[in-house]
N, C-alpha and C. Protein backbone atom coordinates (compact mmCIF):
# COMPACT_ATOMS: atom_id res chain seq x y z
N UNK A 1 -28.07 -6.31 10.42
CA UNK A 1 -28.25 -5.79 12.15
C UNK A 1 -26.70 -5.72 12.13
N UNK A 2 -26.66 -4.39 12.65
CA UNK A 2 -25.48 -3.93 13.09
C UNK A 2 -25.64 -3.50 14.59
N UNK A 3 -24.98 -4.29 15.50
CA UNK A 3 -25.15 -3.67 16.85
C UNK A 3 -23.46 -3.14 17.12
N UNK A 4 -23.66 -2.06 18.13
CA UNK A 4 -22.56 -1.26 18.53
C UNK A 4 -21.99 -1.98 19.73
N UNK A 5 -20.70 -2.37 19.77
CA UNK A 5 -20.21 -3.08 20.78
C UNK A 5 -19.46 -1.88 21.82
N UNK A 6 -19.94 -1.72 23.09
CA UNK A 6 -19.28 -1.27 24.09
C UNK A 6 -18.55 -1.72 25.17
N UNK A 7 -18.28 -0.96 26.32
CA UNK A 7 -17.58 -1.65 27.20
C UNK A 7 -18.40 -2.35 28.25
N UNK A 8 -19.73 -1.59 28.26
CA UNK A 8 -20.77 -2.26 29.05
C UNK A 8 -21.41 -3.30 28.63
N UNK A 9 -21.47 -3.67 27.13
CA UNK A 9 -22.29 -4.89 26.81
C UNK A 9 -21.84 -5.74 26.00
N UNK A 10 -20.73 -5.90 26.30
CA UNK A 10 -19.55 -7.23 25.76
C UNK A 10 -20.52 -8.54 26.04
N UNK A 11 -20.45 -8.82 27.10
CA UNK A 11 -21.18 -10.48 27.31
C UNK A 11 -22.72 -10.85 26.53
N UNK A 12 -23.61 -9.28 26.40
CA UNK A 12 -24.76 -9.46 25.79
C UNK A 12 -24.57 -9.39 24.20
N UNK A 13 -23.31 -8.70 24.02
CA UNK A 13 -23.09 -8.84 22.15
C UNK A 13 -22.74 -10.42 22.02
N UNK A 14 -21.81 -10.90 22.81
CA UNK A 14 -21.36 -12.24 22.67
C UNK A 14 -22.18 -13.29 22.40
N UNK A 15 -23.37 -13.02 23.72
CA UNK A 15 -24.24 -14.06 23.38
C UNK A 15 -25.33 -14.03 22.25
N UNK A 16 -25.46 -12.61 21.64
CA UNK A 16 -26.21 -12.41 20.37
C UNK A 16 -25.69 -13.24 19.72
N UNK A 17 -24.03 -12.93 19.43
CA UNK A 17 -23.33 -13.34 18.02
C UNK A 17 -23.30 -15.09 18.45
N UNK A 18 -23.52 -15.56 19.54
CA UNK A 18 -23.14 -17.05 19.61
C UNK A 18 -24.64 -17.62 19.19
N UNK A 19 -25.68 -17.00 19.73
CA UNK A 19 -26.97 -17.27 18.98
C UNK A 19 -27.37 -17.29 17.49
N UNK A 20 -26.46 -16.24 16.96
CA UNK A 20 -26.68 -16.52 15.62
C UNK A 20 -25.88 -17.47 14.86
N UNK A 21 -24.66 -17.42 15.64
CA UNK A 21 -23.95 -18.54 14.75
C UNK A 21 -24.61 -20.18 14.83
N UNK A 22 -25.11 -20.54 16.25
CA UNK A 22 -25.71 -21.44 16.41
C UNK A 22 -26.76 -22.06 15.25
N UNK A 23 -27.49 -20.59 15.31
CA UNK A 23 -28.45 -20.94 14.13
C UNK A 23 -28.36 -21.00 12.56
N UNK A 24 -26.88 -20.92 12.47
CA UNK A 24 -26.22 -20.79 10.87
C UNK A 24 -26.35 -19.46 10.40
N UNK A 25 -26.22 -18.32 11.49
CA UNK A 25 -25.96 -17.27 10.50
C UNK A 25 -24.66 -16.71 10.15
N UNK A 26 -24.33 -15.57 9.78
CA UNK A 26 -22.74 -15.25 9.18
C UNK A 26 -22.85 -13.76 10.21
N UNK A 27 -21.53 -13.89 11.03
CA UNK A 27 -21.81 -12.85 12.04
C UNK A 27 -20.16 -11.96 11.39
N UNK A 28 -20.24 -11.01 11.54
CA UNK A 28 -18.97 -9.95 11.08
C UNK A 28 -18.49 -9.46 12.32
N UNK A 29 -17.28 -9.49 12.79
CA UNK A 29 -16.55 -8.76 14.16
C UNK A 29 -15.21 -8.66 13.81
N UNK A 30 -14.79 -7.52 14.96
CA UNK A 30 -13.38 -7.18 14.77
C UNK A 30 -12.45 -8.25 15.14
N UNK A 31 -11.57 -8.31 14.55
CA UNK A 31 -10.37 -9.03 15.29
C UNK A 31 -9.41 -8.01 15.86
N UNK A 32 -8.09 -8.67 16.14
CA UNK A 32 -7.14 -7.30 16.22
C UNK A 32 -6.46 -7.23 15.08
N UNK A 33 -6.64 -7.39 13.95
CA UNK A 33 -6.15 -6.78 12.70
C UNK A 33 -7.06 -6.24 11.78
N UNK A 34 -8.05 -7.16 11.41
CA UNK A 34 -8.99 -6.47 10.39
C UNK A 34 -10.31 -7.26 10.92
N UNK A 35 -11.59 -6.85 10.28
CA UNK A 35 -12.95 -7.40 10.64
C UNK A 35 -13.05 -8.93 9.77
N UNK A 36 -13.27 -9.94 10.65
CA UNK A 36 -13.38 -11.17 9.99
C UNK A 36 -14.81 -11.63 10.03
N UNK A 37 -15.29 -12.66 9.29
CA UNK A 37 -16.75 -12.93 9.08
C UNK A 37 -16.74 -14.72 9.56
N UNK A 38 -17.83 -14.57 10.42
CA UNK A 38 -17.79 -15.96 11.34
C UNK A 38 -18.93 -16.96 10.94
N UNK A 39 -18.95 -17.95 11.08
CA UNK A 39 -19.82 -18.95 11.28
C UNK A 39 -19.05 -19.97 11.55
N UNK A 40 -20.05 -21.11 12.50
CA UNK A 40 -20.00 -22.23 12.86
C UNK A 40 -18.92 -23.21 12.26
N UNK A 41 -18.21 -23.77 12.68
CA UNK A 41 -17.23 -24.54 11.75
C UNK A 41 -18.02 -25.71 11.28
N UNK A 42 -19.08 -26.39 11.96
CA UNK A 42 -20.01 -27.62 11.37
C UNK A 42 -21.04 -27.59 10.76
N UNK A 43 -21.17 -26.27 10.40
CA UNK A 43 -22.49 -26.15 9.66
C UNK A 43 -22.15 -25.93 8.19
N UNK A 44 -22.61 -26.89 7.77
CA UNK A 44 -22.11 -26.91 6.11
C UNK A 44 -22.79 -25.86 5.28
N UNK A 45 -24.21 -25.82 5.27
CA UNK A 45 -24.99 -24.80 4.55
C UNK A 45 -24.17 -23.43 5.15
N UNK A 46 -23.87 -22.90 6.27
CA UNK A 46 -23.19 -22.05 6.75
C UNK A 46 -21.98 -21.54 5.61
N UNK A 47 -21.18 -22.62 5.81
CA UNK A 47 -19.69 -22.56 5.18
C UNK A 47 -20.15 -22.44 3.44
N UNK A 48 -21.03 -22.99 2.98
CA UNK A 48 -21.47 -22.80 1.77
C UNK A 48 -21.60 -21.24 1.55
N UNK A 49 -22.60 -20.74 2.10
CA UNK A 49 -23.12 -19.49 1.69
C UNK A 49 -22.07 -18.59 1.93
N UNK A 50 -21.12 -18.58 3.03
CA UNK A 50 -19.85 -17.68 3.24
C UNK A 50 -19.10 -17.56 2.08
N UNK A 51 -18.78 -18.80 1.42
CA UNK A 51 -17.91 -18.95 0.28
C UNK A 51 -18.58 -18.11 -0.77
N UNK A 52 -19.80 -18.17 -1.22
CA UNK A 52 -20.64 -17.42 -2.01
C UNK A 52 -20.68 -16.36 -1.80
N UNK A 53 -20.66 -15.73 -0.49
CA UNK A 53 -21.08 -14.36 -0.23
C UNK A 53 -19.32 -13.69 -0.82
N UNK A 54 -18.66 -14.33 -0.41
CA UNK A 54 -17.11 -13.83 -0.61
C UNK A 54 -16.53 -13.98 -2.01
N UNK A 55 -17.45 -15.17 -2.58
CA UNK A 55 -16.91 -14.97 -3.85
C UNK A 55 -15.30 -15.85 -3.62
N UNK A 56 -15.39 -16.62 -2.77
CA UNK A 56 -14.46 -17.15 -2.92
C UNK A 56 -13.74 -18.50 -3.83
N UNK A 57 -12.47 -18.30 -4.46
CA UNK A 57 -12.13 -19.49 -5.12
C UNK A 57 -12.04 -20.94 -3.91
N UNK A 58 -12.78 -21.75 -4.21
CA UNK A 58 -12.75 -23.03 -3.54
C UNK A 58 -11.86 -23.79 -3.26
N UNK A 59 -10.39 -23.35 -4.14
CA UNK A 59 -9.09 -24.18 -3.59
C UNK A 59 -8.69 -23.26 -2.57
N UNK A 60 -9.41 -22.27 -2.08
CA UNK A 60 -8.86 -21.63 -0.87
C UNK A 60 -9.41 -21.99 0.63
N UNK A 61 -8.59 -22.72 1.57
CA UNK A 61 -9.14 -23.25 2.29
C UNK A 61 -9.72 -21.94 3.33
N UNK A 62 -10.83 -22.49 4.45
CA UNK A 62 -11.08 -21.07 5.53
C UNK A 62 -10.46 -21.07 6.42
N UNK A 63 -9.64 -20.22 7.31
CA UNK A 63 -9.04 -20.53 8.58
C UNK A 63 -10.21 -20.17 9.75
N UNK A 64 -9.66 -20.56 10.63
CA UNK A 64 -10.76 -20.71 11.75
C UNK A 64 -9.91 -20.27 13.15
N UNK A 65 -10.88 -19.63 14.06
CA UNK A 65 -10.11 -19.38 15.18
C UNK A 65 -10.80 -20.21 16.32
N UNK A 66 -10.06 -20.23 17.51
CA UNK A 66 -10.65 -21.08 18.61
C UNK A 66 -10.06 -20.44 19.89
N UNK A 67 -10.96 -20.66 21.02
CA UNK A 67 -10.56 -20.18 22.33
C UNK A 67 -9.54 -20.29 23.10
N UNK A 68 -9.18 -21.88 22.96
CA UNK A 68 -8.30 -22.33 23.37
C UNK A 68 -7.54 -23.57 22.84
N UNK A 69 -6.57 -24.09 23.31
CA UNK A 69 -5.92 -25.57 22.89
C UNK A 69 -6.37 -26.53 22.71
N UNK A 70 -7.42 -26.85 23.64
CA UNK A 70 -8.18 -27.93 24.13
C UNK A 70 -9.23 -28.04 22.71
N UNK A 71 -9.66 -26.82 22.26
CA UNK A 71 -10.54 -27.30 20.96
C UNK A 71 -9.64 -27.85 19.34
N UNK A 72 -8.54 -27.48 19.50
CA UNK A 72 -7.82 -28.07 18.52
C UNK A 72 -8.04 -29.72 18.32
N UNK A 73 -8.31 -30.30 19.46
CA UNK A 73 -9.04 -31.74 18.93
C UNK A 73 -10.17 -31.63 18.01
N UNK A 74 -11.13 -30.55 18.02
CA UNK A 74 -12.19 -30.87 17.08
C UNK A 74 -12.09 -30.77 15.57
N UNK A 75 -10.57 -30.15 15.40
CA UNK A 75 -10.48 -29.70 13.81
C UNK A 75 -9.00 -30.52 13.55
N UNK A 76 -8.16 -30.44 14.53
CA UNK A 76 -7.04 -31.23 14.14
C UNK A 76 -6.86 -33.05 14.46
N UNK A 77 -6.29 -33.59 13.28
CA UNK A 77 -6.05 -34.98 13.27
C UNK A 77 -5.01 -35.25 14.36
N UNK A 78 -3.81 -34.31 14.44
CA UNK A 78 -2.46 -34.28 15.25
C UNK A 78 -1.93 -32.99 15.63
N UNK A 79 -1.52 -33.01 16.59
CA UNK A 79 -0.56 -31.39 16.27
C UNK A 79 0.90 -31.94 17.20
N UNK A 80 1.94 -31.72 16.23
CA UNK A 80 3.22 -32.26 17.16
C UNK A 80 3.57 -30.98 17.71
N UNK A 81 5.07 -31.41 18.48
CA UNK A 81 5.61 -30.83 19.31
C UNK A 81 6.30 -29.62 19.03
N UNK A 82 6.47 -29.33 17.56
CA UNK A 82 6.72 -27.93 17.36
C UNK A 82 5.54 -26.87 17.08
N UNK A 83 4.49 -27.62 16.84
CA UNK A 83 3.27 -26.87 16.91
C UNK A 83 2.90 -26.24 18.03
N UNK A 84 2.95 -27.41 18.81
CA UNK A 84 2.72 -26.71 20.32
C UNK A 84 3.29 -25.67 21.09
N UNK A 85 4.86 -25.74 20.69
CA UNK A 85 5.68 -24.65 21.73
C UNK A 85 5.57 -23.38 20.73
N UNK A 86 5.43 -23.27 19.38
CA UNK A 86 4.93 -22.22 18.74
C UNK A 86 3.19 -21.39 19.36
N UNK A 87 2.56 -22.42 19.38
CA UNK A 87 1.37 -22.24 19.84
C UNK A 87 1.64 -21.13 21.12
N UNK A 88 2.34 -22.24 22.11
CA UNK A 88 2.60 -21.65 23.51
C UNK A 88 3.67 -20.17 23.84
N UNK A 89 4.40 -19.91 22.52
CA UNK A 89 4.77 -18.48 22.27
C UNK A 89 4.32 -17.50 21.90
N UNK A 90 3.42 -17.93 20.60
CA UNK A 90 2.79 -16.80 19.93
C UNK A 90 1.20 -16.58 20.12
N UNK A 91 0.54 -17.88 20.90
CA UNK A 91 -0.89 -17.41 21.17
C UNK A 91 -1.21 -17.14 22.09
N UNK A 92 -2.27 -16.15 22.21
CA UNK A 92 -3.15 -15.70 21.58
C UNK A 92 -2.14 -14.39 21.05
N UNK A 93 -2.47 -14.71 19.47
CA UNK A 93 -2.08 -13.77 18.77
C UNK A 93 -1.76 -13.85 16.89
N UNK A 94 -1.53 -13.27 16.50
CA UNK A 94 -1.57 -13.21 14.50
C UNK A 94 -0.79 -13.82 14.09
N UNK A 95 -0.88 -15.52 14.58
CA UNK A 95 -0.13 -16.53 13.76
C UNK A 95 -1.08 -17.42 13.32
N UNK A 96 -1.62 -17.99 12.26
CA UNK A 96 -2.37 -18.73 11.97
C UNK A 96 -1.77 -20.08 11.62
N UNK A 97 -1.46 -21.76 12.41
CA UNK A 97 -1.06 -22.55 12.11
C UNK A 97 -1.72 -23.65 11.37
N UNK A 98 -1.12 -24.05 10.21
CA UNK A 98 -1.70 -25.18 9.36
C UNK A 98 -0.98 -26.62 10.17
N UNK A 99 -2.21 -27.28 10.47
CA UNK A 99 -1.92 -28.66 10.92
C UNK A 99 -3.09 -29.43 10.10
N UNK A 100 -2.59 -30.86 10.37
CA UNK A 100 -3.43 -31.87 9.66
C UNK A 100 -4.91 -31.93 10.22
N UNK A 101 -5.75 -32.19 9.25
CA UNK A 101 -7.20 -31.95 9.70
C UNK A 101 -7.90 -33.40 10.02
N UNK A 102 -8.80 -33.38 10.73
CA UNK A 102 -9.75 -34.14 10.88
C UNK A 102 -10.32 -34.79 9.44
N UNK A 103 -10.52 -36.02 9.31
CA UNK A 103 -11.25 -36.31 8.23
C UNK A 103 -12.61 -35.83 7.83
N UNK A 104 -13.08 -35.73 9.08
CA UNK A 104 -14.80 -35.49 8.94
C UNK A 104 -15.02 -33.39 9.03
N UNK A 105 -13.78 -33.01 8.78
CA UNK A 105 -14.05 -31.43 8.61
C UNK A 105 -14.60 -31.20 6.92
N UNK A 106 -15.19 -30.21 7.09
CA UNK A 106 -16.04 -29.78 5.63
C UNK A 106 -14.56 -29.25 4.83
N UNK A 107 -14.96 -29.69 3.31
CA UNK A 107 -14.24 -29.59 2.06
C UNK A 107 -13.90 -27.87 2.09
N UNK A 108 -15.16 -27.06 2.66
CA UNK A 108 -14.74 -25.69 2.75
C UNK A 108 -13.63 -25.18 3.63
N UNK A 109 -13.67 -25.76 4.55
CA UNK A 109 -12.49 -25.22 5.94
C UNK A 109 -10.97 -26.11 5.29
N UNK A 110 -11.17 -27.10 4.33
CA UNK A 110 -9.84 -27.68 3.96
C UNK A 110 -9.24 -27.70 2.52
N UNK A 111 -10.33 -27.24 1.72
CA UNK A 111 -10.17 -27.33 0.16
C UNK A 111 -9.50 -28.30 -0.26
N UNK A 112 -10.09 -29.47 0.59
CA UNK A 112 -9.22 -31.04 -0.13
C UNK A 112 -7.82 -30.96 -0.11
N UNK A 113 -7.38 -29.88 0.74
CA UNK A 113 -5.82 -30.51 0.98
C UNK A 113 -5.47 -31.24 2.07
N UNK A 114 -6.23 -31.67 3.12
CA UNK A 114 -6.25 -32.59 4.18
C UNK A 114 -5.66 -31.71 5.32
N UNK A 115 -5.89 -30.29 5.21
CA UNK A 115 -4.88 -29.34 6.53
C UNK A 115 -5.97 -28.77 6.96
N UNK A 116 -5.92 -27.94 7.66
CA UNK A 116 -6.75 -26.63 8.45
C UNK A 116 -5.95 -25.82 9.34
N UNK A 117 -6.33 -24.57 8.85
CA UNK A 117 -5.58 -23.35 9.40
C UNK A 117 -6.52 -22.49 10.73
N UNK A 118 -5.60 -22.79 11.43
CA UNK A 118 -6.34 -22.31 12.89
C UNK A 118 -5.06 -21.39 13.68
N UNK A 119 -6.02 -20.51 14.71
CA UNK A 119 -5.24 -19.77 15.49
C UNK A 119 -5.99 -19.24 16.59
N UNK A 120 -5.65 -18.84 17.82
CA UNK A 120 -6.27 -18.12 19.30
C UNK A 120 -5.92 -16.47 18.68
N UNK A 121 -6.90 -15.90 18.54
CA UNK A 121 -6.67 -14.47 17.92
C UNK A 121 -5.99 -13.70 19.12
N UNK A 122 -5.42 -12.68 19.04
CA UNK A 122 -4.97 -11.35 19.93
C UNK A 122 -6.22 -10.99 20.56
N UNK A 123 -5.49 -9.94 21.58
CA UNK A 123 -6.44 -9.67 22.28
C UNK A 123 -7.67 -8.68 21.57
N UNK A 124 -9.04 -9.01 21.38
CA UNK A 124 -10.04 -8.21 20.53
C UNK A 124 -11.17 -8.99 21.15
N UNK A 125 -12.61 -8.72 20.31
CA UNK A 125 -13.83 -9.27 20.71
C UNK A 125 -13.86 -10.45 19.78
N UNK A 126 -13.04 -10.92 18.92
CA UNK A 126 -12.79 -12.07 18.62
C UNK A 126 -12.06 -13.26 19.48
N UNK A 127 -11.46 -12.91 20.09
CA UNK A 127 -10.63 -13.30 21.06
C UNK A 127 -11.51 -14.06 21.96
N UNK A 128 -12.81 -12.94 22.83
CA UNK A 128 -13.69 -13.09 23.53
C UNK A 128 -14.82 -13.83 23.02
N UNK A 129 -15.13 -13.95 21.91
CA UNK A 129 -15.85 -14.61 21.28
C UNK A 129 -15.54 -16.20 21.34
N UNK A 130 -14.56 -16.27 21.11
CA UNK A 130 -14.07 -17.83 20.62
C UNK A 130 -13.91 -18.42 22.15
N UNK A 131 -13.60 -17.86 23.24
CA UNK A 131 -13.31 -18.55 24.07
C UNK A 131 -14.78 -18.88 24.79
N UNK A 132 -15.82 -17.93 24.55
CA UNK A 132 -16.76 -17.88 25.13
C UNK A 132 -18.08 -19.27 24.39
N UNK A 133 -17.61 -18.86 23.07
CA UNK A 133 -18.53 -19.86 21.89
C UNK A 133 -18.06 -21.59 22.52
N UNK A 134 -16.99 -21.93 22.61
CA UNK A 134 -16.63 -23.34 22.86
C UNK A 134 -16.62 -24.18 21.75
N UNK A 135 -16.55 -23.49 20.40
CA UNK A 135 -16.65 -24.08 19.17
C UNK A 135 -15.59 -23.47 18.02
N UNK A 136 -14.94 -24.09 17.33
CA UNK A 136 -13.99 -23.02 16.15
C UNK A 136 -15.19 -22.51 15.25
N UNK A 137 -14.71 -21.15 14.83
CA UNK A 137 -15.23 -20.08 14.19
C UNK A 137 -14.35 -19.66 13.11
N UNK A 138 -15.04 -19.53 11.81
CA UNK A 138 -14.39 -19.02 10.64
C UNK A 138 -14.17 -17.60 10.95
N UNK A 139 -12.88 -16.93 10.39
CA UNK A 139 -12.66 -15.57 10.82
C UNK A 139 -11.86 -15.11 9.45
N UNK A 140 -12.67 -15.79 8.28
CA UNK A 140 -11.84 -15.07 7.05
C UNK A 140 -12.15 -13.53 6.80
N UNK A 141 -11.16 -12.99 6.09
CA UNK A 141 -11.33 -11.62 6.47
C UNK A 141 -12.89 -11.16 5.66
N UNK A 142 -13.38 -9.91 6.02
CA UNK A 142 -14.81 -9.46 5.90
C UNK A 142 -14.33 -8.76 4.38
N UNK A 143 -14.33 -9.27 3.37
CA UNK A 143 -14.18 -8.79 1.95
C UNK A 143 -14.53 -9.55 1.21
N UNK A 144 -14.99 -8.96 -0.17
CA UNK A 144 -15.03 -9.81 -1.41
C UNK A 144 -13.75 -10.23 -1.95
N UNK A 145 -13.57 -11.33 -2.31
CA UNK A 145 -12.00 -11.94 -2.52
C UNK A 145 -11.63 -11.01 -3.56
N UNK A 146 -10.28 -10.83 -3.16
CA UNK A 146 -9.26 -9.72 -4.06
C UNK A 146 -9.36 -8.43 -3.44
N UNK A 147 -10.35 -7.79 -2.78
CA UNK A 147 -10.62 -6.75 -2.40
C UNK A 147 -10.28 -6.38 -1.13
N UNK A 148 -9.74 -5.16 -0.44
CA UNK A 148 -9.09 -4.61 0.88
C UNK A 148 -9.98 -5.62 1.93
N UNK A 149 -9.37 -5.85 2.86
CA UNK A 149 -10.02 -6.37 4.41
C UNK A 149 -10.43 -5.08 4.66
N UNK A 150 -11.72 -5.39 5.53
CA UNK A 150 -12.48 -4.17 5.83
C UNK A 150 -11.73 -3.74 7.47
N UNK A 151 -11.58 -2.77 7.54
CA UNK A 151 -11.23 -2.15 8.81
C UNK A 151 -12.41 -1.67 9.92
N UNK A 152 -13.71 -1.27 9.45
CA UNK A 152 -14.47 -0.68 9.83
C UNK A 152 -15.65 -1.55 9.66
N UNK A 153 -17.02 -1.18 10.50
CA UNK A 153 -18.12 -1.76 10.30
C UNK A 153 -18.91 -1.25 9.02
N UNK A 154 -18.89 -0.05 9.05
CA UNK A 154 -19.13 0.31 7.59
C UNK A 154 -18.75 0.06 6.31
N UNK A 155 -17.29 -0.53 6.37
CA UNK A 155 -17.09 -1.10 5.17
C UNK A 155 -17.29 -2.34 4.67
N UNK A 156 -17.56 -3.27 6.13
CA UNK A 156 -18.39 -4.47 5.88
C UNK A 156 -19.77 -4.30 5.40
N UNK A 157 -20.45 -3.39 5.87
CA UNK A 157 -21.88 -2.85 4.88
C UNK A 157 -21.74 -2.66 3.60
N UNK A 158 -20.80 -2.07 3.25
CA UNK A 158 -20.66 -1.22 1.87
C UNK A 158 -20.29 -2.71 1.12
N UNK A 159 -19.70 -3.31 1.65
CA UNK A 159 -19.42 -4.90 1.05
C UNK A 159 -20.17 -5.73 0.63
N UNK A 160 -21.10 -6.23 1.49
CA UNK A 160 -22.09 -6.70 1.64
C UNK A 160 -23.41 -6.40 2.33
N UNK A 161 -23.50 -5.32 2.00
CA UNK A 161 -25.21 -5.00 2.49
C UNK A 161 -26.06 -5.80 3.39
N UNK A 162 -27.26 -5.79 3.27
CA UNK A 162 -27.85 -6.86 4.39
C UNK A 162 -27.71 -8.36 4.19
N UNK A 163 -26.81 -8.91 3.28
CA UNK A 163 -26.42 -10.28 3.20
C UNK A 163 -25.72 -10.77 4.77
N UNK A 164 -25.45 -9.94 5.86
CA UNK A 164 -24.74 -10.22 6.91
C UNK A 164 -25.95 -10.35 8.10
N UNK A 165 -26.00 -11.15 8.65
CA UNK A 165 -26.80 -11.54 9.21
C UNK A 165 -26.86 -10.83 10.73
N UNK A 166 -25.53 -10.75 11.17
CA UNK A 166 -25.15 -9.88 12.32
C UNK A 166 -23.60 -8.80 12.13
N UNK A 167 -23.54 -7.64 12.33
CA UNK A 167 -22.60 -7.01 12.33
C UNK A 167 -22.28 -6.51 13.65
N UNK A 168 -20.98 -6.84 13.94
CA UNK A 168 -20.55 -6.22 15.69
C UNK A 168 -19.68 -4.99 15.31
N UNK A 169 -20.11 -3.72 15.60
CA UNK A 169 -19.37 -2.78 15.36
C UNK A 169 -18.34 -2.40 16.55
N UNK A 170 -17.22 -2.84 16.33
CA UNK A 170 -16.15 -2.38 17.35
C UNK A 170 -15.60 -1.00 17.18
N UNK A 171 -15.81 -0.49 16.44
CA UNK A 171 -15.12 0.73 15.81
C UNK A 171 -13.93 0.25 14.84
N UNK A 172 -12.85 0.87 14.75
CA UNK A 172 -11.95 0.65 13.80
C UNK A 172 -10.92 -0.09 14.23
N UNK A 173 -10.68 -1.30 13.48
CA UNK A 173 -9.57 -2.23 14.18
C UNK A 173 -8.23 -1.69 13.71
N UNK A 174 -6.93 -2.00 14.13
CA UNK A 174 -5.96 -1.45 14.11
C UNK A 174 -5.22 -1.71 12.48
N UNK A 175 -5.76 -2.77 12.23
CA UNK A 175 -5.40 -2.65 10.09
C UNK A 175 -3.92 -3.34 10.13
N UNK A 176 -3.22 -2.73 9.58
CA UNK A 176 -1.53 -3.06 9.50
C UNK A 176 -1.74 -4.56 8.42
N UNK A 177 -0.87 -5.38 9.08
CA UNK A 177 -0.50 -6.89 8.19
C UNK A 177 -1.42 -7.88 8.97
N UNK A 178 -1.79 -8.76 7.96
CA UNK A 178 -2.75 -9.80 8.49
C UNK A 178 -2.04 -10.80 9.24
N UNK A 179 -2.47 -11.76 9.50
CA UNK A 179 -1.74 -13.18 10.57
C UNK A 179 -0.86 -13.53 9.82
N UNK A 180 0.16 -14.09 10.24
CA UNK A 180 1.37 -14.84 9.77
C UNK A 180 0.60 -16.42 9.58
N UNK A 181 1.47 -16.89 8.46
CA UNK A 181 0.60 -18.28 8.12
C UNK A 181 1.70 -19.47 8.21
N UNK A 182 1.91 -20.17 8.96
CA UNK A 182 2.97 -21.33 9.38
C UNK A 182 2.37 -22.66 8.80
N UNK A 183 2.81 -23.38 8.23
CA UNK A 183 2.57 -24.66 7.96
C UNK A 183 3.47 -25.70 8.73
N UNK A 184 2.88 -26.46 9.72
CA UNK A 184 3.53 -27.29 10.64
C UNK A 184 3.13 -28.77 10.67
N UNK A 185 2.66 -29.10 9.49
CA UNK A 185 2.27 -30.35 9.46
C UNK A 185 3.32 -31.72 8.94
N UNK A 186 4.83 -30.83 8.40
CA UNK A 186 5.63 -31.75 8.16
C UNK A 186 6.95 -31.66 9.36
N UNK A 187 8.14 -32.13 8.98
CA UNK A 187 8.85 -32.02 9.85
C UNK A 187 9.65 -30.45 9.98
N UNK A 188 9.71 -29.60 8.96
CA UNK A 188 10.06 -28.41 9.29
C UNK A 188 9.14 -27.52 9.06
N UNK A 189 9.43 -26.26 9.49
CA UNK A 189 8.20 -25.16 9.75
C UNK A 189 8.10 -24.36 8.25
N UNK A 190 7.11 -24.16 7.46
CA UNK A 190 7.07 -23.36 6.20
C UNK A 190 6.12 -22.08 6.16
N UNK A 191 6.92 -20.91 6.27
CA UNK A 191 5.87 -20.04 6.11
C UNK A 191 5.56 -19.60 5.09
N UNK A 192 4.08 -19.73 5.02
CA UNK A 192 3.34 -19.43 3.76
C UNK A 192 2.93 -17.94 3.41
N UNK A 193 2.76 -17.50 4.45
CA UNK A 193 2.66 -15.93 4.18
C UNK A 193 3.26 -15.00 5.44
N UNK A 194 4.06 -14.14 5.05
CA UNK A 194 4.52 -13.43 6.35
C UNK A 194 3.60 -12.04 6.63
N UNK A 195 3.05 -12.25 7.78
CA UNK A 195 2.48 -11.15 8.53
C UNK A 195 2.68 -10.31 9.62
N UNK A 196 2.05 -10.13 10.67
CA UNK A 196 2.12 -9.46 11.70
C UNK A 196 3.39 -9.94 12.49
N UNK A 197 3.45 -11.16 12.50
CA UNK A 197 4.52 -11.53 13.42
C UNK A 197 5.63 -12.26 11.88
N UNK A 198 6.76 -11.37 12.12
CA UNK A 198 7.93 -11.49 11.31
C UNK A 198 8.35 -13.06 11.21
N UNK A 199 8.79 -13.54 9.86
CA UNK A 199 9.01 -15.03 9.86
C UNK A 199 10.65 -15.25 10.51
N UNK A 200 11.30 -13.82 10.64
CA UNK A 200 12.66 -14.03 11.36
C UNK A 200 12.50 -14.65 12.79
N UNK A 201 10.85 -14.17 13.46
CA UNK A 201 10.89 -14.10 14.92
C UNK A 201 10.78 -15.53 15.41
N UNK A 202 9.93 -16.01 14.29
CA UNK A 202 9.52 -17.84 14.49
C UNK A 202 10.83 -18.72 14.16
N UNK A 203 11.28 -18.38 13.01
CA UNK A 203 12.71 -18.81 12.69
C UNK A 203 13.78 -18.83 13.96
N UNK A 204 13.91 -17.79 14.57
CA UNK A 204 14.78 -17.65 15.58
C UNK A 204 14.22 -18.58 16.53
N UNK A 205 13.14 -18.33 17.10
CA UNK A 205 12.46 -18.87 18.24
C UNK A 205 12.85 -20.60 17.87
N UNK A 206 12.46 -21.07 17.03
CA UNK A 206 12.69 -22.42 16.72
C UNK A 206 14.13 -22.91 16.83
N UNK A 207 15.10 -22.08 16.27
CA UNK A 207 16.20 -22.46 16.72
C UNK A 207 16.89 -22.60 17.86
N UNK A 208 16.34 -21.68 18.85
CA UNK A 208 16.67 -21.32 19.96
C UNK A 208 15.78 -22.45 21.16
N UNK A 209 14.59 -22.80 20.65
CA UNK A 209 13.89 -23.66 21.60
C UNK A 209 13.71 -25.25 21.08
N UNK A 210 13.97 -25.40 19.90
CA UNK A 210 13.38 -26.64 19.23
C UNK A 210 14.39 -27.44 18.84
């Protein structure tokens, strides 16, 4: 099912997406970079189905989006001061932060690492959905593992056909670089992937502020 997003139907589409997520469905939606695939973070069968759909290696954790920092308590066992300062500076935005995970989190989210990857997305449908949902949602890129991430709904459909329960067609996304990934579980910040936010911007901020 493909639903076209317009300026006038945002609330209706968010309601439809939330209903599908709560039922255990997979939803494709536009983020500030590419299209993402979302399932509710605590429905094990949906997480398993998403992994199989993407043909994603189980050694790769599944990133999450949240609508506000209060939701961190649902997925993270602890958040240090450095992580909070980076969140205040770069969220909402394309910075994925890796934190120590709650023990109750699915292995599909942590890949057995004891860590969870999370961000508040930048201005996009993904941000509005995460805020309204009130629970973390996966936001793994809408592609088969190893293929290019989808920039539009047509590419999502080409990759997955009718195996996605709901595709939110918000037009072409900006594309460009994916989110930057920073591991903040230890004493030092480790940039695991440099993306839309340059590593230098993060390190310079840390030097100045922390």
